[in-house]
């Protein structure tokens, strides 16, 4: 897998999380063309980057909302920092 493919996949994840339009892990993994294990690894790595203050002082890890059946940012303010433009699937 090429690095640019991984970055594009991460951007899709972040965009869909922002829109709270991921569905359950199995569905999101299928939409991205990866295994659930790869999806979980990607989300863990994204959360580590967020925790490392890459995104300033925002504490907004990605969490799964069991009530809405979607991933979301724990901090609602973090959603506002992402541009909501994109195609009909929420991709940038």
C-alpha atoms as a PDB file:
ATOM      1  CA  UNK A   1       0.000   0.000   0.000  1.00  0.00           C
ATOM      2  CA  UNK A   2       1.339   3.390  -0.970  1.00  0.00           C
ATOM      3  CA  UNK A   3       1.532   6.226   1.526  1.00  0.00           C
ATOM      4  CA  UNK A   4      -0.726   8.469  -0.546  1.00  0.00           C
ATOM      5  CA  UNK A   5      -3.417   5.730  -0.518  1.00  0.00           C
ATOM      6  CA  UNK A   6      -3.240   5.643   3.285  1.00  0.00           C
ATOM      7  CA  UNK A   7      -3.464   9.437   3.535  1.00  0.00           C
ATOM      8  CA  UNK A   8      -6.479   9.494   1.209  1.00  0.00           C
ATOM      9  CA  UNK A   9      -8.136   6.757   3.307  1.00  0.00           C
ATOM     10  CA  UNK A  10      -7.462   8.731   6.509  1.00  0.00           C
ATOM     11  CA  UNK A  11      -8.982  11.841   4.946  1.00  0.00           C
ATOM     12  CA  UNK A  12     -12.077   9.840   4.023  1.00  0.00           C
ATOM     13  CA  UNK A  13     -12.285   8.523   7.593  1.00  0.00           C
ATOM     14  CA  UNK A  14     -11.943  12.018   9.056  1.00  0.00           C
ATOM     15  CA  UNK A  15     -14.507  13.439   6.654  1.00  0.00           C
ATOM     16  CA  UNK A  16     -17.069  10.721   7.395  1.00  0.00           C
ATOM     17  CA  UNK A  17     -16.446  10.976  11.140  1.00  0.00           C
ATOM     18  CA  UNK A  18     -17.009  14.711  10.898  1.00  0.00           C
ATOM     19  CA  UNK A  19     -20.350  14.100   9.197  1.00  0.00           C
ATOM     20  CA  UNK A  20     -21.135  11.300  11.675  1.00  0.00           C
ATOM     21  CA  UNK A  21     -21.904   9.163   8.646  1.00  0.00           C
ATOM     22  CA  UNK A  22     -19.643   6.136   9.099  1.00  0.00           C
ATOM     23  CA  UNK A  23     -22.043   3.416  10.131  1.00  0.00           C
ATOM     24  CA  UNK A  24     -20.750   0.467  12.107  1.00  0.00           C
ATOM     25  CA  UNK A  25     -17.087  -0.538  11.816  1.00  0.00           C
ATOM     26  CA  UNK A  26     -17.797  -3.406   9.425  1.00  0.00           C
ATOM     27  CA  UNK A  27     -19.734  -1.119   7.067  1.00  0.00           C
ATOM     28  CA  UNK A  28     -17.092   1.612   7.154  1.00  0.00           C
ATOM     29  CA  UNK A  29     -14.314  -0.899   6.503  1.00  0.00           C
ATOM     30  CA  UNK A  30     -16.236  -2.208   3.503  1.00  0.00           C
ATOM     31  CA  UNK A  31     -16.798   1.342   2.164  1.00  0.00           C
ATOM     32  CA  UNK A  32     -13.058   1.984   2.450  1.00  0.00           C
ATOM     33  CA  UNK A  33     -12.068  -1.374   0.953  1.00  0.00           C
ATOM     34  CA  UNK A  34     -10.128  -2.524   4.025  1.00  0.00           C
ATOM     35  CA  UNK A  35     -10.570  -5.015   6.844  1.00  0.00           C
ATOM     36  CA  UNK A  36     -12.073  -4.045  10.197  1.00  0.00           C
ATOM     37  CA  UNK A  37      -8.645  -4.691  11.700  1.00  0.00           C
ATOM     38  CA  UNK A  38      -7.045  -2.165   9.319  1.00  0.00           C
ATOM     39  CA  UNK A  39      -9.808   0.340  10.081  1.00  0.00           C
ATOM     40  CA  UNK A  40      -9.222  -0.060  13.827  1.00  0.00           C
ATOM     41  CA  UNK A  41      -5.489   0.383  13.322  1.00  0.00           C
ATOM     42  CA  UNK A  42      -6.081   3.527  11.241  1.00  0.00           C
ATOM     43  CA  UNK A  43      -8.365   5.029  13.893  1.00  0.00           C
ATOM     44  CA  UNK A  44      -5.863   4.184  16.634  1.00  0.00           C
ATOM     45  CA  UNK A  45      -3.084   5.916  14.678  1.00  0.00           C
ATOM     46  CA  UNK A  46      -5.261   8.958  13.934  1.00  0.00           C
ATOM     47  CA  UNK A  47      -6.119   9.187  17.641  1.00  0.00           C
ATOM     48  CA  UNK A  48      -2.424   9.000  18.553  1.00  0.00           C
ATOM     49  CA  UNK A  49      -1.712  11.895  16.187  1.00  0.00           C
ATOM     50  CA  UNK A  50      -4.561  13.876  17.736  1.00  0.00           C
ATOM     51  CA  UNK A  51      -3.286  13.068  21.242  1.00  0.00           C
ATOM     52  CA  UNK A  52       0.218  14.187  20.256  1.00  0.00           C
ATOM     53  CA  UNK A  53      -1.144  17.729  19.836  1.00  0.00           C
ATOM     54  CA  UNK A  54      -0.787  17.613  16.073  1.00  0.00           C
ATOM     55  CA  UNK A  55      -4.149  19.375  16.068  1.00  0.00           C
ATOM     56  CA  UNK A  56      -3.110  22.045  18.572  1.00  0.00           C
ATOM     57  CA  UNK A  57      -4.670  21.626  22.000  1.00  0.00           C
ATOM     58  CA  UNK A  58      -7.875  19.961  20.857  1.00  0.00           C
ATOM     59  CA  UNK A  59      -8.612  16.748  22.678  1.00  0.00           C
ATOM     60  CA  UNK A  60     -10.887  15.155  20.116  1.00  0.00           C
ATOM     61  CA  UNK A  61     -10.192  11.507  19.624  1.00  0.00           C
ATOM     62  CA  UNK A  62     -12.489   9.494  17.411  1.00  0.00           C
ATOM     63  CA  UNK A  63     -14.965   7.413  19.416  1.00  0.00           C
ATOM     64  CA  UNK A  64     -17.828   5.126  18.419  1.00  0.00           C
ATOM     65  CA  UNK A  65     -21.332   6.275  19.365  1.00  0.00           C
ATOM     66  CA  UNK A  66     -23.344   3.101  19.997  1.00  0.00           C
ATOM     67  CA  UNK A  67     -26.638   4.996  20.034  1.00  0.00           C
ATOM     68  CA  UNK A  68     -26.118   6.606  16.606  1.00  0.00           C
ATOM     69  CA  UNK A  69     -24.106   3.662  15.189  1.00  0.00           C
ATOM     70  CA  UNK A  70     -21.378   5.943  13.895  1.00  0.00           C
ATOM     71  CA  UNK A  71     -17.917   7.160  14.744  1.00  0.00           C
ATOM     72  CA  UNK A  72     -17.662  10.759  15.901  1.00  0.00           C
ATOM     73  CA  UNK A  73     -15.165  13.175  17.417  1.00  0.00           C
ATOM     74  CA  UNK A  74     -15.442  13.215  21.197  1.00  0.00           C
ATOM     75  CA  UNK A  75     -15.154  17.022  21.212  1.00  0.00           C
ATOM     76  CA  UNK A  76     -17.957  18.635  19.198  1.00  0.00           C
ATOM     77  CA  UNK A  77     -15.850  21.755  18.628  1.00  0.00           C
ATOM     78  CA  UNK A  78     -13.414  19.676  16.613  1.00  0.00           C
ATOM     79  CA  UNK A  79     -16.124  18.925  14.027  1.00  0.00           C
ATOM     80  CA  UNK A  80     -16.377  22.616  13.224  1.00  0.00           C
ATOM     81  CA  UNK A  81     -12.737  22.705  12.151  1.00  0.00           C
ATOM     82  CA  UNK A  82     -13.328  20.345   9.246  1.00  0.00           C
ATOM     83  CA  UNK A  83     -14.722  21.643   6.011  1.00  0.00           C
ATOM     84  CA  UNK A  84     -18.039  19.932   5.390  1.00  0.00           C
ATOM     85  CA  UNK A  85     -17.729  20.228   1.636  1.00  0.00           C
ATOM     86  CA  UNK A  86     -17.213  17.097  -0.375  1.00  0.00           C
ATOM     87  CA  UNK A  87     -18.976  14.709  -2.671  1.00  0.00           C
ATOM     88  CA  UNK A  88     -22.259  12.956  -1.899  1.00  0.00           C
ATOM     89  CA  UNK A  89     -20.407  10.359   0.232  1.00  0.00           C
ATOM     90  CA  UNK A  90     -18.796  13.015   2.407  1.00  0.00           C
ATOM     91  CA  UNK A  91     -15.382  12.513   0.851  1.00  0.00           C
ATOM     92  CA  UNK A  92     -13.117  15.517   0.285  1.00  0.00           C
END
